[in-house]
């Protein structure tokens, strides 16, 4: 019996993976509706199904490193871009992109930005701590100070100018500590602008212990409703 055999060779191409970077987009645009960030080369085709970032909200995106285009739209007017630019992302790094400044309710269509390379500290499971940093996005005020309620003004940050970012500070998160009440004040007059209570620290389901968060001050002087001065939290896990 004759047997015939054949073999074939496949040309296998080697695909080098593209390193990924993490970018958290934060919506602190005064009076803003929800924003639609778009990291693609082409514009978003289906705005109705796109992920949105509400005012005082955030979302983390995994983005290929390199020179990456970013367009950001207001969901109420997707024909105009609130921001259009390019981000230079190093491989395997963590960034935060803050949209801030403009007052949409007063007809301003452009916004200010703050782009940070983040280095959140590592917390070992044997250390019951939480890392907290502070960002000042109050555009039309004096520098701010930050203190814990009941502790002298400026105990945490003495002076933070507009778009200033503090370093991460570690705070105890043991079973005896339930919360921290942070106060944001005018660094020159000690006027209290806003407070934020970081709570649930000693709960068994705590979402901040061993992790890192950012507290953002935004709004405008004399603002009301969505333009009022307030503080909100961003997770930096």
Protein backbone atom coordinates (compact mmCIF):
# COMPACT_ATOMS: atom_id res chain seq x y z
CA UNK A 1 0.00 0.00 0.00
CA UNK A 2 1.32 3.35 -0.91
CA UNK A 3 0.79 6.19 1.51
CA UNK A 4 1.19 9.77 0.54
CA UNK A 5 1.73 12.43 3.14
CA UNK A 6 1.96 16.16 2.95
CA UNK A 7 2.79 18.89 5.35
CA UNK A 8 2.13 22.57 5.31
CA UNK A 9 3.91 25.34 7.07
CA UNK A 10 2.10 28.28 8.57
CA UNK A 11 3.56 31.72 8.57
CA UNK A 12 3.07 32.93 12.08
CA UNK A 13 3.48 36.61 12.72
CA UNK A 14 4.51 37.75 16.15
CA UNK A 15 2.28 40.45 17.58
CA UNK A 16 3.88 42.63 20.21
CA UNK A 17 1.33 43.70 22.82
CA UNK A 18 0.78 47.42 23.25
CA UNK A 19 1.41 48.60 26.84
CA UNK A 20 -1.64 50.01 28.59
CA UNK A 21 -1.97 53.11 30.75
CA UNK A 22 -4.80 54.01 33.12
CA UNK A 23 -6.51 57.40 32.71
CA UNK A 24 -9.23 58.55 35.11
CA UNK A 25 -11.40 61.31 33.62
CA UNK A 26 -12.95 63.65 36.22
CA UNK A 27 -15.82 66.01 35.43
CA UNK A 28 -15.45 69.19 37.50
CA UNK A 29 -16.70 71.60 34.82
CA UNK A 30 -18.88 74.12 36.62
CA UNK A 31 -22.55 73.69 35.71
CA UNK A 32 -21.71 70.78 33.42
CA UNK A 33 -24.01 68.07 32.19
CA UNK A 34 -22.59 64.57 31.76
CA UNK A 35 -19.47 64.33 29.60
CA UNK A 36 -18.62 61.76 26.92
CA UNK A 37 -14.86 61.06 26.70
CA UNK A 38 -13.70 59.53 23.41
CA UNK A 39 -10.17 58.12 23.08
CA UNK A 40 -10.67 56.79 19.55
CA UNK A 41 -9.20 58.26 16.38
CA UNK A 42 -12.65 58.67 14.90
CA UNK A 43 -15.52 60.39 16.68
CA UNK A 44 -18.01 58.41 18.70
CA UNK A 45 -20.67 56.96 16.42
CA UNK A 46 -23.37 56.23 18.98
CA UNK A 47 -23.52 58.89 21.66
CA UNK A 48 -26.72 57.38 23.09
CA UNK A 49 -24.86 54.27 24.21
CA UNK A 50 -21.53 55.89 25.13
CA UNK A 51 -20.29 55.85 28.71
CA UNK A 52 -20.85 59.22 30.40
CA UNK A 53 -19.13 60.97 33.29
CA UNK A 54 -21.57 63.08 35.37
CA UNK A 55 -20.63 66.30 37.10
CA UNK A 56 -18.58 65.53 40.24
CA UNK A 57 -18.10 62.04 38.82
CA UNK A 58 -15.23 60.09 37.29
CA UNK A 59 -14.40 56.98 35.31
CA UNK A 60 -11.17 55.08 34.75
CA UNK A 61 -10.19 54.05 31.21
CA UNK A 62 -7.54 51.58 30.06
CA UNK A 63 -5.84 53.24 27.11
CA UNK A 64 -2.95 52.12 24.84
CA UNK A 65 0.16 54.13 25.71
CA UNK A 66 1.70 56.68 23.36
CA UNK A 67 0.20 59.79 21.79
CA UNK A 68 -3.52 59.24 22.29
CA UNK A 69 -6.28 61.55 20.96
CA UNK A 70 -8.97 62.62 23.39
CA UNK A 71 -12.23 64.36 22.52
CA UNK A 72 -14.75 65.18 25.25
CA UNK A 73 -18.34 66.19 24.53
CA UNK A 74 -21.24 67.50 26.60
CA UNK A 75 -24.06 65.00 26.33
CA UNK A 76 -26.46 67.92 25.84
CA UNK A 77 -24.55 69.16 22.79
CA UNK A 78 -22.49 66.49 21.04
CA UNK A 79 -21.86 68.74 18.01
CA UNK A 80 -19.28 70.75 19.99
CA UNK A 81 -16.26 69.47 21.86
CA UNK A 82 -15.67 70.61 25.43
CA UNK A 83 -12.08 69.45 25.01
CA UNK A 84 -10.02 68.30 22.04
CA UNK A 85 -6.38 67.34 22.35
CA UNK A 86 -3.78 64.60 22.63
CA UNK A 87 -2.41 62.90 25.73
CA UNK A 88 1.17 61.65 25.92
CA UNK A 89 0.88 58.43 27.94
CA UNK A 90 3.94 56.55 29.15
CA UNK A 91 3.58 52.75 29.33
CA UNK A 92 2.06 51.23 32.45
CA UNK A 93 1.49 54.53 34.23
CA UNK A 94 -1.50 56.01 36.06
CA UNK A 95 -2.95 59.40 35.16
CA UNK A 96 -5.89 61.63 36.05
CA UNK A 97 -7.42 64.09 33.58
CA UNK A 98 -9.55 66.77 35.26
CA UNK A 99 -11.99 68.89 33.22
CA UNK A 100 -12.66 72.07 35.19
CA UNK A 101 -13.02 75.83 35.14
CA UNK A 102 -15.68 76.85 32.63
CA UNK A 103 -19.21 77.79 33.65
CA UNK A 104 -21.46 76.07 31.09
CA UNK A 105 -24.57 77.73 32.50
CA UNK A 106 -23.12 81.14 31.68
CA UNK A 107 -22.51 80.26 28.05
CA UNK A 108 -18.84 79.27 28.21
CA UNK A 109 -18.21 76.36 25.86
CA UNK A 110 -14.51 75.79 26.59
CA UNK A 111 -13.03 74.35 29.75
CA UNK A 112 -9.79 74.30 31.68
CA UNK A 113 -7.83 71.11 32.28
CA UNK A 114 -5.46 69.53 34.77
CA UNK A 115 -3.48 66.44 33.80
CA UNK A 116 -1.57 64.57 36.50
CA UNK A 117 0.79 61.63 36.57
CA UNK A 118 -0.22 59.78 39.72
CA UNK A 119 1.92 57.81 42.13
CA UNK A 120 -0.57 56.44 44.67
CA UNK A 121 1.29 54.80 47.57
CA UNK A 122 1.19 51.06 48.14
CA UNK A 123 -0.52 49.93 51.34
CA UNK A 124 0.41 46.59 52.81
CA UNK A 125 -2.51 44.56 54.20
CA UNK A 126 -0.85 44.75 57.61
CA UNK A 127 -1.15 48.55 57.59
CA UNK A 128 -4.66 49.85 58.21
CA UNK A 129 -4.38 53.16 56.38
CA UNK A 130 -5.98 55.15 53.58
CA UNK A 131 -4.12 57.57 51.31
CA UNK A 132 -5.77 60.96 50.67
CA UNK A 133 -4.70 63.83 48.44
CA UNK A 134 -6.41 67.17 47.78
CA UNK A 135 -7.00 69.12 44.54
CA UNK A 136 -8.11 72.75 44.31
CA UNK A 137 -10.31 73.44 41.26
CA UNK A 138 -11.97 76.58 42.69
CA UNK A 139 -10.99 78.91 39.86
CA UNK A 140 -12.04 82.32 41.16
CA UNK A 141 -10.93 82.20 44.80
CA UNK A 142 -7.84 82.58 46.94
CA UNK A 143 -5.65 79.58 47.68
CA UNK A 144 -7.32 77.08 50.00
CA UNK A 145 -6.23 75.30 53.14
CA UNK A 146 -7.41 71.93 54.38
CA UNK A 147 -7.84 70.78 57.95
CA UNK A 148 -9.59 68.04 59.86
CA UNK A 149 -12.57 69.40 61.78
CA UNK A 150 -11.52 70.41 65.26
CA UNK A 151 -7.84 70.68 64.31
CA UNK A 152 -6.24 74.09 63.52
CA UNK A 153 -6.78 75.51 60.04
CA UNK A 154 -4.25 74.31 57.50
CA UNK A 155 -3.29 71.22 59.50
CA UNK A 156 -3.39 69.02 56.37
CA UNK A 157 -2.59 71.55 53.63
CA UNK A 158 -1.61 75.12 54.41
CA UNK A 159 -2.03 76.66 50.95
CA UNK A 160 -3.14 75.12 47.66
CA UNK A 161 -3.54 77.40 44.64
CA UNK A 162 -5.94 76.85 41.73
CA UNK A 163 -5.11 73.51 40.02
CA UNK A 164 -2.80 72.72 42.90
CA UNK A 165 -2.44 69.05 43.85
CA UNK A 166 -1.15 67.84 47.20
CA UNK A 167 0.80 64.63 47.67
CA UNK A 168 -0.97 61.58 49.07
CA UNK A 169 -1.00 61.52 52.86
CA UNK A 170 -1.64 58.38 54.89
CA UNK A 171 -4.40 58.40 57.50
CA UNK A 172 -5.07 55.67 60.02
CA UNK A 173 -7.96 53.36 59.13
CA UNK A 174 -8.12 51.14 62.18
CA UNK A 175 -11.25 49.76 63.81
CA UNK A 176 -11.33 52.71 66.23
CA UNK A 177 -11.61 55.32 63.44
CA UNK A 178 -14.99 55.67 61.77
CA UNK A 179 -14.49 58.79 59.65
CA UNK A 180 -12.51 61.93 58.89
CA UNK A 181 -14.27 65.28 58.43
CA UNK A 182 -12.12 67.45 56.15
CA UNK A 183 -12.73 71.20 55.92
CA UNK A 184 -11.76 73.29 52.88
CA UNK A 185 -11.13 76.93 53.76
CA UNK A 186 -9.95 80.16 52.20
CA UNK A 187 -6.26 80.15 53.16
CA UNK A 188 -6.26 83.94 53.61
CA UNK A 189 -9.54 84.52 55.48
CA UNK A 190 -10.24 81.05 57.01
CA UNK A 191 -13.73 81.17 55.48
CA UNK A 192 -15.17 77.65 55.34
CA UNK A 193 -16.00 76.82 51.70
CA UNK A 194 -16.94 73.15 51.93
CA UNK A 195 -16.64 70.00 54.03
CA UNK A 196 -16.31 66.37 53.12
CA UNK A 197 -16.68 63.44 55.51
CA UNK A 198 -14.73 60.35 54.52
CA UNK A 199 -16.83 57.76 56.33
CA UNK A 200 -17.18 54.01 56.73
CA UNK A 201 -13.47 53.60 57.36
CA UNK A 202 -13.82 51.01 60.13
CA UNK A 203 -16.59 49.00 58.48
CA UNK A 204 -15.82 45.42 57.49
CA UNK A 205 -16.92 46.40 53.96
CA UNK A 206 -14.82 49.59 53.88
CA UNK A 207 -14.07 50.71 50.32
CA UNK A 208 -11.17 53.01 51.25
CA UNK A 209 -9.01 51.09 53.71
CA UNK A 210 -5.67 50.09 52.09
CA UNK A 211 -6.56 52.30 49.13
CA UNK A 212 -6.13 55.88 47.89
CA UNK A 213 -8.62 58.64 47.15
CA UNK A 214 -8.61 62.25 45.94
CA UNK A 215 -10.83 64.97 47.40
CA UNK A 216 -11.61 67.70 44.85
CA UNK A 217 -12.88 71.20 45.65
CA UNK A 218 -14.83 72.77 42.78
CA UNK A 219 -17.54 75.34 42.03
CA UNK A 220 -17.49 79.12 41.93
CA UNK A 221 -17.81 81.90 44.47
CA UNK A 222 -21.47 82.81 44.96
CA UNK A 223 -22.61 79.78 42.99
CA UNK A 224 -25.78 77.87 43.79
CA UNK A 225 -27.03 74.41 42.90
CA UNK A 226 -24.58 72.65 40.56
CA UNK A 227 -22.29 75.71 40.56
CA UNK A 228 -22.03 75.96 44.36
CA UNK A 229 -18.68 75.31 46.00
CA UNK A 230 -18.48 71.68 47.04
CA UNK A 231 -16.05 68.81 47.54
CA UNK A 232 -16.31 65.36 45.99
CA UNK A 233 -14.35 62.11 46.01
CA UNK A 234 -12.39 60.37 43.25
CA UNK A 235 -11.12 56.81 43.72
CA UNK A 236 -7.47 56.17 42.87
CA UNK A 237 -7.40 52.53 43.87
